[in-house]
């Protein structure tokens, strides 16, 4: 069983409130998800503000990648929480992007709806 744990630079006071864990299952070996040379770009943006854990997924289906904000740290976008953005969304989005990069090689984007595309000239 894989039991890797990274605590980013940062920290907090004992008993300080820590964010909830966000978890994704990635159908790849641990070396492809979190290589030893460093965090993938989506998680690197949150460096110093998140706790990251990696373990074997149930049933041998790759790995589970989990992250949560550390107490008393400024995850980029935390101030935006005051105007309605969810700071947990930043962590969740980063995890999904790591999953997509590991499994598909890129961050996938949904195709724009036809109502959002420029109209083609007749002819």
N, C-alpha and C. Protein backbone atom coordinates (compact mmCIF):
# COMPACT_ATOMS: atom_id res chain seq x y z
N UNK A 1 0.84 -1.18 0.00
CA UNK A 1 0.00 0.00 0.00
C UNK A 1 0.88 1.24 0.00
N UNK A 2 0.56 2.18 -0.84
CA UNK A 2 1.29 3.44 -0.91
C UNK A 2 0.83 4.31 0.25
N UNK A 3 1.75 4.93 0.91
CA UNK A 3 1.40 5.83 2.01
C UNK A 3 2.28 7.05 1.96
N UNK A 4 2.13 7.82 0.91
CA UNK A 4 2.91 9.04 0.79
C UNK A 4 2.11 10.20 1.34
N UNK A 5 2.81 11.13 1.95
CA UNK A 5 2.13 12.31 2.46
C UNK A 5 3.06 13.49 2.30
N UNK A 6 2.55 14.54 1.75
CA UNK A 6 3.31 15.78 1.61
C UNK A 6 2.57 16.85 2.37
N UNK A 7 3.27 17.54 3.21
CA UNK A 7 2.70 18.72 3.84
C UNK A 7 3.47 19.89 3.28
N UNK A 8 2.75 20.74 2.61
CA UNK A 8 3.40 21.88 1.98
C UNK A 8 3.92 22.84 3.03
N UNK A 9 4.84 23.69 2.60
CA UNK A 9 5.33 24.71 3.52
C UNK A 9 4.15 25.54 3.99
N UNK A 10 4.15 25.86 5.20
CA UNK A 10 3.02 26.59 5.76
C UNK A 10 2.67 25.91 7.05
N UNK A 11 1.61 26.26 7.63
CA UNK A 11 1.24 25.61 8.86
C UNK A 11 0.16 26.38 9.54
N UNK A 12 -0.02 26.10 10.76
CA UNK A 12 -1.06 26.78 11.50
C UNK A 12 -0.91 26.50 12.97
N UNK A 13 -1.83 27.00 13.72
CA UNK A 13 -1.81 26.80 15.16
C UNK A 13 -2.48 25.47 15.48
N UNK A 14 -2.05 24.87 16.56
CA UNK A 14 -2.67 23.61 16.98
C UNK A 14 -4.15 23.86 17.22
N UNK A 15 -4.97 22.99 16.73
CA UNK A 15 -6.39 23.11 16.92
C UNK A 15 -7.06 24.04 15.92
N UNK A 16 -6.29 24.62 15.01
CA UNK A 16 -6.88 25.49 14.00
C UNK A 16 -7.71 24.65 13.04
N UNK A 17 -8.73 25.24 12.51
CA UNK A 17 -9.63 24.51 11.62
C UNK A 17 -8.94 24.22 10.28
N UNK A 18 -9.01 22.99 9.86
CA UNK A 18 -8.42 22.55 8.60
C UNK A 18 -9.56 22.26 7.65
N UNK A 19 -9.36 22.54 6.37
CA UNK A 19 -10.39 22.29 5.37
C UNK A 19 -10.66 20.80 5.19
N UNK A 20 -11.78 20.52 4.56
CA UNK A 20 -12.15 19.13 4.28
C UNK A 20 -11.26 18.54 3.20
N UNK A 21 -11.08 17.23 3.26
CA UNK A 21 -10.32 16.53 2.22
C UNK A 21 -11.15 16.46 0.95
N UNK A 22 -10.52 16.73 -0.16
CA UNK A 22 -11.09 16.52 -1.48
C UNK A 22 -10.31 15.35 -2.07
N UNK A 23 -11.00 14.37 -2.65
CA UNK A 23 -10.33 13.15 -3.11
C UNK A 23 -10.77 12.80 -4.53
N UNK A 24 -9.80 12.40 -5.36
CA UNK A 24 -10.09 11.86 -6.69
C UNK A 24 -9.34 10.54 -6.84
N UNK A 25 -9.90 9.63 -7.61
CA UNK A 25 -9.23 8.38 -7.94
C UNK A 25 -8.64 8.54 -9.32
N UNK A 26 -7.35 8.25 -9.43
CA UNK A 26 -6.64 8.39 -10.70
C UNK A 26 -6.20 7.00 -11.14
N UNK A 27 -6.58 6.61 -12.34
CA UNK A 27 -6.28 5.28 -12.85
C UNK A 27 -4.87 5.22 -13.45
N UNK A 28 -3.90 5.51 -12.63
CA UNK A 28 -2.50 5.50 -13.03
C UNK A 28 -1.66 5.14 -11.81
N UNK A 29 -0.42 4.66 -12.05
CA UNK A 29 0.48 4.38 -10.93
C UNK A 29 0.88 5.67 -10.22
N UNK A 30 1.27 5.55 -8.97
CA UNK A 30 1.63 6.72 -8.16
C UNK A 30 2.74 7.55 -8.80
N UNK A 31 3.70 6.90 -9.45
CA UNK A 31 4.82 7.62 -10.06
C UNK A 31 4.36 8.56 -11.16
N UNK A 32 3.26 8.24 -11.82
CA UNK A 32 2.75 9.10 -12.88
C UNK A 32 1.89 10.23 -12.33
N UNK A 33 1.31 10.03 -11.16
CA UNK A 33 0.42 11.04 -10.58
C UNK A 33 1.22 12.10 -9.84
N UNK A 34 2.08 11.68 -8.93
CA UNK A 34 2.93 12.61 -8.18
C UNK A 34 4.37 12.14 -8.30
N UNK A 35 5.04 12.54 -9.36
CA UNK A 35 6.43 12.11 -9.53
C UNK A 35 7.32 12.69 -8.43
N UNK A 36 8.44 12.04 -8.19
CA UNK A 36 9.34 12.47 -7.12
C UNK A 36 9.97 13.82 -7.40
N UNK A 37 9.99 14.25 -8.66
CA UNK A 37 10.63 15.53 -8.98
C UNK A 37 9.77 16.72 -8.60
N UNK A 38 8.54 16.52 -8.21
CA UNK A 38 7.70 17.64 -7.77
C UNK A 38 6.25 17.46 -8.11
N UNK A 39 5.48 18.36 -7.61
CA UNK A 39 4.04 18.31 -7.83
C UNK A 39 3.71 18.69 -9.26
N UNK A 40 2.63 18.13 -9.82
CA UNK A 40 2.17 18.58 -11.13
C UNK A 40 1.70 20.04 -11.05
N UNK A 41 1.70 20.73 -12.16
CA UNK A 41 1.38 22.16 -12.20
C UNK A 41 0.10 22.54 -11.46
N UNK A 42 -1.02 21.86 -11.64
CA UNK A 42 -2.22 22.30 -10.93
C UNK A 42 -2.05 22.36 -9.40
N UNK A 43 -1.29 21.41 -8.84
CA UNK A 43 -1.05 21.43 -7.39
C UNK A 43 0.06 22.41 -7.02
N UNK A 44 1.00 22.62 -7.93
CA UNK A 44 2.10 23.55 -7.66
C UNK A 44 1.57 24.96 -7.40
N UNK A 45 0.47 25.32 -8.04
CA UNK A 45 -0.14 26.64 -7.83
C UNK A 45 -0.63 26.81 -6.39
N UNK A 46 -0.90 25.70 -5.70
CA UNK A 46 -1.41 25.75 -4.33
C UNK A 46 -0.31 25.45 -3.31
N UNK A 47 0.95 25.40 -3.76
CA UNK A 47 2.07 25.07 -2.89
C UNK A 47 2.10 25.99 -1.68
N UNK A 48 2.30 25.39 -0.52
CA UNK A 48 2.37 26.14 0.71
C UNK A 48 1.04 26.31 1.40
N UNK A 49 -0.03 25.88 0.76
CA UNK A 49 -1.35 26.10 1.33
C UNK A 49 -2.18 24.83 1.43
N UNK A 50 -1.65 23.69 0.97
CA UNK A 50 -2.43 22.46 1.00
C UNK A 50 -1.61 21.30 1.55
N UNK A 51 -2.33 20.34 2.11
CA UNK A 51 -1.78 19.06 2.56
C UNK A 51 -2.22 18.05 1.51
N UNK A 52 -1.29 17.25 0.98
CA UNK A 52 -1.60 16.30 -0.09
C UNK A 52 -1.24 14.90 0.37
N UNK A 53 -2.12 13.95 0.08
CA UNK A 53 -1.88 12.54 0.41
C UNK A 53 -2.17 11.68 -0.81
N UNK A 54 -1.44 10.59 -0.90
CA UNK A 54 -1.59 9.65 -2.01
C UNK A 54 -1.60 8.25 -1.42
N UNK A 55 -2.57 7.44 -1.83
CA UNK A 55 -2.60 6.05 -1.37
C UNK A 55 -3.22 5.18 -2.46
N UNK A 56 -3.01 3.88 -2.33
CA UNK A 56 -3.56 2.94 -3.30
C UNK A 56 -5.08 2.97 -3.25
N UNK A 57 -5.70 3.01 -4.41
CA UNK A 57 -7.16 3.02 -4.48
C UNK A 57 -7.69 1.60 -4.23
N UNK A 58 -8.89 1.48 -3.70
CA UNK A 58 -9.48 0.16 -3.47
C UNK A 58 -9.59 -0.62 -4.78
N UNK A 59 -9.39 -1.93 -4.69
CA UNK A 59 -9.54 -2.80 -5.85
C UNK A 59 -8.43 -2.66 -6.87
N UNK A 60 -7.31 -2.05 -6.49
CA UNK A 60 -6.20 -1.91 -7.42
C UNK A 60 -6.50 -1.00 -8.60
N UNK A 61 -7.35 -0.03 -8.40
CA UNK A 61 -7.75 0.88 -9.48
C UNK A 61 -6.94 2.17 -9.45
N UNK A 62 -5.64 2.06 -9.46
CA UNK A 62 -4.79 3.24 -9.46
C UNK A 62 -4.55 3.75 -8.05
N UNK A 63 -4.62 5.08 -7.90
CA UNK A 63 -4.36 5.71 -6.61
C UNK A 63 -5.45 6.71 -6.27
N UNK A 64 -5.57 6.98 -4.98
CA UNK A 64 -6.43 8.06 -4.52
C UNK A 64 -5.53 9.24 -4.18
N UNK A 65 -5.84 10.38 -4.76
CA UNK A 65 -5.10 11.62 -4.49
C UNK A 65 -6.02 12.51 -3.69
N UNK A 66 -5.56 12.93 -2.52
CA UNK A 66 -6.38 13.75 -1.63
C UNK A 66 -5.63 15.03 -1.28
N UNK A 67 -6.37 16.11 -1.13
CA UNK A 67 -5.77 17.39 -0.74
C UNK A 67 -6.77 18.15 0.11
N UNK A 68 -6.24 18.98 1.00
CA UNK A 68 -7.08 19.86 1.80
C UNK A 68 -6.28 21.11 2.14
N UNK A 69 -6.97 22.23 2.31
CA UNK A 69 -6.27 23.46 2.70
C UNK A 69 -5.72 23.32 4.11
N UNK A 70 -4.54 23.88 4.33
CA UNK A 70 -3.95 23.92 5.66
C UNK A 70 -4.57 25.08 6.44
N UNK A 71 -4.57 24.98 7.77
CA UNK A 71 -5.13 26.08 8.57
C UNK A 71 -4.27 27.33 8.48
N UNK A 72 -4.90 28.46 8.55
CA UNK A 72 -4.22 29.76 8.60
C UNK A 72 -3.25 29.98 7.46
N UNK A 73 -3.57 29.47 6.29
CA UNK A 73 -2.75 29.72 5.12
C UNK A 73 -3.63 30.35 4.06
N UNK A 74 -3.00 31.01 3.15
CA UNK A 74 -3.75 31.70 2.10
C UNK A 74 -3.67 30.90 0.81
N UNK A 75 -4.68 30.04 0.58
CA UNK A 75 -4.79 29.39 -0.71
C UNK A 75 -5.17 30.49 -1.68
N UNK A 76 -4.51 30.55 -2.83
CA UNK A 76 -4.89 31.58 -3.79
C UNK A 76 -6.39 31.54 -4.03
N UNK A 77 -7.04 32.66 -3.84
CA UNK A 77 -8.48 32.71 -4.02
C UNK A 77 -9.25 32.69 -2.72
N UNK A 78 -8.58 32.47 -1.57
CA UNK A 78 -9.30 32.45 -0.31
C UNK A 78 -10.02 33.77 -0.06
N UNK A 79 -9.39 34.88 -0.40
CA UNK A 79 -10.05 36.18 -0.21
C UNK A 79 -11.31 36.26 -1.06
N UNK A 80 -11.32 35.56 -2.18
CA UNK A 80 -12.49 35.57 -3.04
C UNK A 80 -13.69 34.92 -2.35
N UNK A 81 -13.42 34.12 -1.31
CA UNK A 81 -14.51 33.49 -0.56
C UNK A 81 -15.45 34.54 0.00
N UNK A 82 -14.91 35.70 0.34
CA UNK A 82 -15.74 36.76 0.90
C UNK A 82 -16.75 37.29 -0.11
N UNK A 83 -16.48 37.11 -1.38
CA UNK A 83 -17.41 37.58 -2.41
C UNK A 83 -18.15 36.43 -3.06
N UNK A 84 -18.12 35.26 -2.46
CA UNK A 84 -18.96 34.16 -2.92
C UNK A 84 -18.25 32.96 -3.52
N UNK A 85 -16.95 33.01 -3.78
CA UNK A 85 -16.27 31.84 -4.33
C UNK A 85 -15.97 30.86 -3.21
N UNK A 86 -15.99 29.58 -3.53
CA UNK A 86 -15.72 28.52 -2.55
C UNK A 86 -14.24 28.15 -2.61
N UNK A 87 -13.46 28.38 -1.55
CA UNK A 87 -12.04 28.03 -1.57
C UNK A 87 -11.81 26.54 -1.79
N UNK A 88 -12.73 25.70 -1.33
CA UNK A 88 -12.59 24.26 -1.55
C UNK A 88 -12.63 23.94 -3.04
N UNK A 89 -13.32 24.78 -3.81
CA UNK A 89 -13.41 24.57 -5.25
C UNK A 89 -12.03 24.64 -5.90
N UNK A 90 -11.16 25.50 -5.40
CA UNK A 90 -9.80 25.60 -5.96
C UNK A 90 -9.04 24.30 -5.77
N UNK A 91 -9.17 23.71 -4.59
CA UNK A 91 -8.50 22.44 -4.32
C UNK A 91 -9.10 21.34 -5.18
N UNK A 92 -10.42 21.29 -5.24
CA UNK A 92 -11.10 20.27 -6.04
C UNK A 92 -10.73 20.38 -7.51
N UNK A 93 -10.72 21.62 -8.02
CA UNK A 93 -10.38 21.84 -9.44
C UNK A 93 -8.94 21.40 -9.72
N UNK A 94 -8.01 21.70 -8.81
CA UNK A 94 -6.62 21.29 -9.01
C UNK A 94 -6.50 19.77 -9.04
N UNK A 95 -7.23 19.08 -8.17
CA UNK A 95 -7.19 17.61 -8.17
C UNK A 95 -7.73 17.04 -9.47
N UNK A 96 -8.84 17.57 -9.95
CA UNK A 96 -9.40 17.09 -11.21
C UNK A 96 -8.47 17.34 -12.37
N UNK A 97 -7.77 18.47 -12.36
CA UNK A 97 -6.82 18.76 -13.43
C UNK A 97 -5.64 17.79 -13.38
N UNK A 98 -5.16 17.45 -12.18
CA UNK A 98 -4.08 16.46 -12.06
C UNK A 98 -4.57 15.12 -12.61
N UNK A 99 -5.78 14.73 -12.27
CA UNK A 99 -6.36 13.48 -12.77
C UNK A 99 -6.41 13.48 -14.30
N UNK A 100 -6.89 14.57 -14.89
CA UNK A 100 -7.00 14.64 -16.34
C UNK A 100 -5.63 14.61 -17.02
N UNK A 101 -4.66 15.31 -16.45
CA UNK A 101 -3.32 15.31 -17.03
C UNK A 101 -2.71 13.91 -16.96
N UNK A 102 -2.87 13.23 -15.83
CA UNK A 102 -2.31 11.89 -15.67
C UNK A 102 -2.98 10.88 -16.60
N UNK A 103 -4.30 10.97 -16.74
CA UNK A 103 -5.03 9.97 -17.52
C UNK A 103 -5.13 10.30 -19.01
N UNK A 104 -5.24 11.58 -19.35
CA UNK A 104 -5.46 11.96 -20.75
C UNK A 104 -4.30 12.75 -21.36
N UNK A 105 -3.36 13.18 -20.51
CA UNK A 105 -2.23 13.93 -21.02
C UNK A 105 -2.46 15.42 -21.14
N UNK A 106 -3.67 15.88 -20.85
CA UNK A 106 -4.00 17.30 -20.92
C UNK A 106 -5.24 17.58 -20.09
N UNK A 107 -5.46 18.85 -19.79
CA UNK A 107 -6.69 19.24 -19.10
C UNK A 107 -7.77 19.34 -20.17
N UNK A 108 -8.80 18.56 -20.01
CA UNK A 108 -9.86 18.51 -21.01
C UNK A 108 -10.78 19.71 -20.88
N UNK A 109 -11.29 20.16 -22.00
CA UNK A 109 -12.22 21.28 -22.01
C UNK A 109 -13.46 20.86 -22.77
N UNK A 110 -14.59 21.25 -22.25
CA UNK A 110 -15.84 20.95 -22.93
C UNK A 110 -15.95 21.83 -24.17
N UNK A 111 -16.54 21.27 -25.19
CA UNK A 111 -16.76 22.04 -26.41
C UNK A 111 -17.77 23.15 -26.12
N UNK A 112 -17.58 24.29 -26.74
CA UNK A 112 -18.51 25.40 -26.53
C UNK A 112 -19.86 25.06 -27.13
N UNK A 113 -20.94 25.46 -26.47
CA UNK A 113 -22.26 25.20 -27.04
C UNK A 113 -22.44 26.00 -28.33
N UNK A 114 -23.29 25.50 -29.21
CA UNK A 114 -23.49 26.15 -30.50
C UNK A 114 -23.99 27.59 -30.36
N UNK A 115 -24.69 27.88 -29.27
CA UNK A 115 -25.19 29.25 -29.07
C UNK A 115 -24.07 30.21 -28.71
N UNK A 116 -22.91 29.69 -28.34
CA UNK A 116 -21.78 30.53 -27.94
C UNK A 116 -20.75 30.68 -29.06
N UNK A 117 -20.99 30.03 -30.18
CA UNK A 117 -20.05 30.08 -31.31
C UNK A 117 -20.43 31.21 -32.26
N UNK A 118 -19.45 31.79 -32.92
CA UNK A 118 -19.78 32.82 -33.90
C UNK A 118 -20.59 32.22 -35.04
N UNK A 119 -21.53 32.99 -35.53
CA UNK A 119 -22.36 32.52 -36.64
C UNK A 119 -21.53 32.46 -37.91
N UNK A 120 -21.77 31.42 -38.72
CA UNK A 120 -21.08 31.29 -39.99
C UNK A 120 -21.87 32.06 -41.06
N UNK A 121 -21.15 32.69 -41.95
CA UNK A 121 -21.88 33.38 -43.02
C UNK A 121 -22.60 32.37 -43.90
N UNK A 122 -23.77 32.75 -44.42
CA UNK A 122 -24.50 31.81 -45.30
C UNK A 122 -23.71 31.53 -46.56
N UNK A 123 -23.91 30.37 -47.04
CA UNK A 123 -23.26 30.12 -48.32
C UNK A 123 -22.67 28.83 -48.45
